[in-house]
Amino acid sequence: MIYTLDFEIGSNTSEPGRITDNIYLVRGLIYKIEFKFPPGCAGLAHVCINQGVSQIWPSTSGNYFASDNETISFDDLFEITSEPAQLEAYGYNEDTANKHTIYIRIGLVDKWEYQARFLPTIITKMRKLEEEQEEAQYKEVAPKIELILPFRANREL
C-alpha cells in the first residue's frame, strides 16, 4: 500500500508556527519513504514526520528535510503496531511570497508480505551454502574413498 499526503505549507511560516497535517495508516511495516520537493521550493520549505512526540524522519530530532526540485527517497523499516495509526507531518516555509506543496509517499506492507519478498533470496543463499558445505565435505573424504574404492573417487559432483 502507498499512502500519500500533498502537504501544503503556506508562505512566511516559522518553525514555532509550523503547519501540521495527519497521515492515517493501518498496522504494518513502513519500508519506503519519499518527500518530493517541486521546483521553486529553493530549500525554503521544511518538513519532518512525527509519531506522537517522537520525530521519525529525519531521525535527528529538530531537523527537517528541505530541498528544491528533488525527491528525497529512502528505504526504512518502521513498524506500525496499532491501528488506526497516525503520523504527523510538520512543516514551515521561509519563502515570504509563495506557498509550497511537499508530496509525501509512504510504502507500507504487512510484516509477512515484507518477509515473503526476501524469503526466496534467503532460501537460494541457504541452498548455495549447503551445496558448498557438501562439496567441501566430499573433497575432504575423497582421498579416503580413493584408497578403498578407486573407481568411485573420480565422480562428478
Protein backbone atom coordinates (compact mmCIF):
# COMPACT_ATOMS: atom_id res chain seq x y z
CA MET A 1 0.00 0.00 0.00
CA ILE A 2 1.19 3.50 -0.75
CA TYR A 3 -0.10 6.32 1.42
CA THR A 4 0.19 9.87 0.14
CA LEU A 5 -0.09 13.35 1.53
CA ASP A 6 0.03 16.56 -0.50
CA PHE A 7 1.38 18.71 2.30
CA GLU A 8 0.74 22.39 1.58
CA ILE A 9 2.76 24.87 3.61
CA GLY A 10 1.65 28.49 3.46
CA SER A 11 4.13 31.29 2.82
CA ASN A 12 6.07 33.02 5.55
CA THR A 13 5.57 30.46 8.33
CA SER A 14 8.12 29.97 11.07
CA GLU A 15 9.19 26.83 12.89
CA PRO A 16 7.31 27.79 16.08
CA GLY A 17 4.16 28.38 13.98
CA ARG A 18 4.66 25.32 11.81
CA ILE A 19 1.84 23.71 9.84
CA THR A 20 0.55 20.25 10.78
CA ASP A 21 -1.29 17.60 8.81
CA ASN A 22 -2.03 13.95 9.60
CA ILE A 23 -1.42 10.70 7.73
CA TYR A 24 -3.61 7.81 8.83
CA LEU A 25 -2.22 4.29 8.38
CA VAL A 26 -3.09 0.70 9.16
CA ARG A 27 -0.87 -1.71 11.06
CA GLY A 28 2.16 -2.88 9.11
CA LEU A 29 5.77 -2.21 8.21
CA ILE A 30 6.83 1.03 6.54
CA TYR A 31 9.55 0.10 4.06
CA LYS A 32 9.86 3.19 1.84
CA ILE A 33 9.54 6.96 2.32
CA GLU A 34 9.60 9.75 -0.26
CA PHE A 35 9.46 13.52 0.04
CA LYS A 36 9.09 15.28 -3.31
CA PHE A 37 10.14 18.92 -3.33
CA PRO A 38 8.98 20.52 -6.62
CA PRO A 39 10.95 23.22 -8.42
CA GLY A 40 10.71 26.57 -6.68
CA CYS A 41 10.96 25.37 -3.08
CA ALA A 42 14.57 26.61 -3.10
CA GLY A 43 15.28 24.85 0.20
CA LEU A 44 12.87 27.20 1.97
CA ALA A 45 10.07 24.69 2.66
CA HIS A 46 10.90 22.32 5.53
CA VAL A 47 9.15 19.09 6.57
CA CYS A 48 9.51 16.34 9.17
CA ILE A 49 7.36 13.38 10.26
CA ASN A 50 6.49 12.51 13.84
CA GLN A 51 4.59 9.79 15.61
CA GLY A 52 3.24 11.45 18.71
CA VAL A 53 6.08 13.33 20.39
CA SER A 54 8.80 11.28 18.67
CA GLN A 55 10.31 12.55 15.44
CA ILE A 56 10.78 9.72 12.93
CA TRP A 57 12.12 11.36 9.73
CA PRO A 58 14.60 12.82 9.61
CA SER A 59 15.86 10.78 12.53
CA THR A 60 17.69 13.69 14.12
CA SER A 61 15.21 15.43 16.37
CA GLY A 62 14.67 19.08 15.48
CA ASN A 63 15.96 18.69 11.91
CA TYR A 64 13.85 18.94 8.76
CA PHE A 65 14.11 17.88 5.13
CA ALA A 66 14.36 20.81 2.72
CA SER A 67 15.31 20.82 -0.96
CA ASP A 68 14.44 22.06 -4.44
CA ASN A 69 13.38 20.01 -7.47
CA GLU A 70 14.38 16.79 -5.73
CA THR A 71 12.76 13.67 -4.34
CA ILE A 72 14.31 12.51 -1.11
CA SER A 73 13.66 8.77 -1.15
CA PHE A 74 14.94 6.03 1.14
CA ASP A 75 14.19 2.57 2.42
CA ASP A 76 13.43 2.13 6.08
CA LEU A 77 11.90 -0.39 8.45
CA PHE A 78 9.44 1.23 10.81
CA GLU A 79 6.72 -0.88 12.36
CA ILE A 80 3.23 0.47 12.95
CA THR A 81 1.94 -1.69 15.79
CA SER A 82 -1.53 -0.29 16.46
CA GLU A 83 -4.46 0.54 14.26
CA PRO A 84 -5.60 3.06 13.31
CA ALA A 85 -2.22 4.77 13.41
CA GLN A 86 -1.48 8.41 12.86
CA LEU A 87 1.71 10.11 11.74
CA GLU A 88 2.02 13.87 11.79
CA ALA A 89 3.71 15.94 9.10
CA TYR A 90 5.14 19.21 10.38
CA GLY A 91 6.40 21.95 8.13
CA TYR A 92 7.28 25.57 7.81
CA ASN A 93 8.15 27.79 4.88
CA GLU A 94 10.65 30.65 4.90
CA ASP A 95 9.52 31.81 1.44
CA THR A 96 7.77 35.12 2.12
CA ALA A 97 5.89 35.18 -1.21
CA ASN A 98 4.90 31.63 -2.17
CA LYS A 99 3.23 28.65 -0.58
CA HIS A 100 4.75 25.23 -1.38
CA THR A 101 3.37 21.71 -1.52
CA ILE A 102 5.60 18.81 -0.50
CA TYR A 103 4.42 15.42 -1.76
CA ILE A 104 4.91 12.69 0.83
CA ARG A 105 4.63 8.99 -0.07
CA ILE A 106 4.83 6.13 2.42
CA GLY A 107 5.08 2.48 1.36
CA LEU A 108 3.61 0.06 3.88
CA VAL A 109 3.09 -3.70 3.84
CA ASP A 110 2.10 -6.36 6.28
CA LYS A 111 5.21 -7.76 8.04
CA TRP A 112 4.63 -11.16 6.44
CA GLU A 113 4.44 -9.67 2.96
CA TYR A 114 7.74 -7.91 3.54
CA GLN A 115 9.41 -11.10 4.72
CA ALA A 116 8.00 -13.02 1.75
CA ARG A 117 9.75 -10.61 -0.62
CA PHE A 118 13.12 -11.60 0.79
CA LEU A 119 12.42 -15.25 1.61
CA PRO A 120 13.26 -16.58 -1.88
CA THR A 121 16.64 -14.82 -1.71
CA ILE A 122 17.36 -16.28 1.70
CA ILE A 123 16.40 -19.80 0.57
CA THR A 124 18.65 -19.51 -2.50
CA LYS A 125 21.58 -18.39 -0.33
CA MET A 126 20.94 -21.22 2.13
CA ARG A 127 20.89 -23.82 -0.69
CA LYS A 128 24.15 -22.47 -2.12
CA LEU A 129 25.78 -22.60 1.30
CA GLU A 130 24.56 -26.16 1.78
CA GLU A 131 25.98 -27.18 -1.62
CA GLU A 132 29.33 -25.57 -0.79
CA GLN A 133 29.43 -27.42 2.54
CA GLU A 134 28.63 -30.75 0.84
CA GLU A 135 31.35 -30.14 -1.75
CA ALA A 136 33.89 -29.31 0.96
CA GLN A 137 32.97 -32.45 2.88
CA TYR A 138 33.31 -34.58 -0.25
CA LYS A 139 36.71 -33.10 -1.06
CA GLU A 140 37.80 -33.95 2.46
CA VAL A 141 36.75 -37.60 2.25
CA ALA A 142 37.55 -38.19 -1.45
CA PRO A 143 41.17 -39.26 -0.80
CA LYS A 144 39.96 -41.84 1.74
CA ILE A 145 37.37 -43.15 -0.71
CA GLU A 146 40.11 -43.37 -3.38
CA LEU A 147 42.08 -45.74 -1.17
CA ILE A 148 39.11 -48.02 -0.64
CA LEU A 149 37.23 -47.68 -3.93
CA PRO A 150 39.46 -46.04 -6.58
CA PHE A 151 36.74 -46.04 -9.25
CA ARG A 152 34.32 -44.00 -7.01
CA ALA A 153 36.61 -41.09 -6.09
CA ASN A 154 36.53 -39.53 -9.58
CA ARG A 155 32.80 -38.97 -9.72
CA GLU A 156 31.44 -35.55 -10.61
CA LEU A 157 29.55 -33.56 -8.00
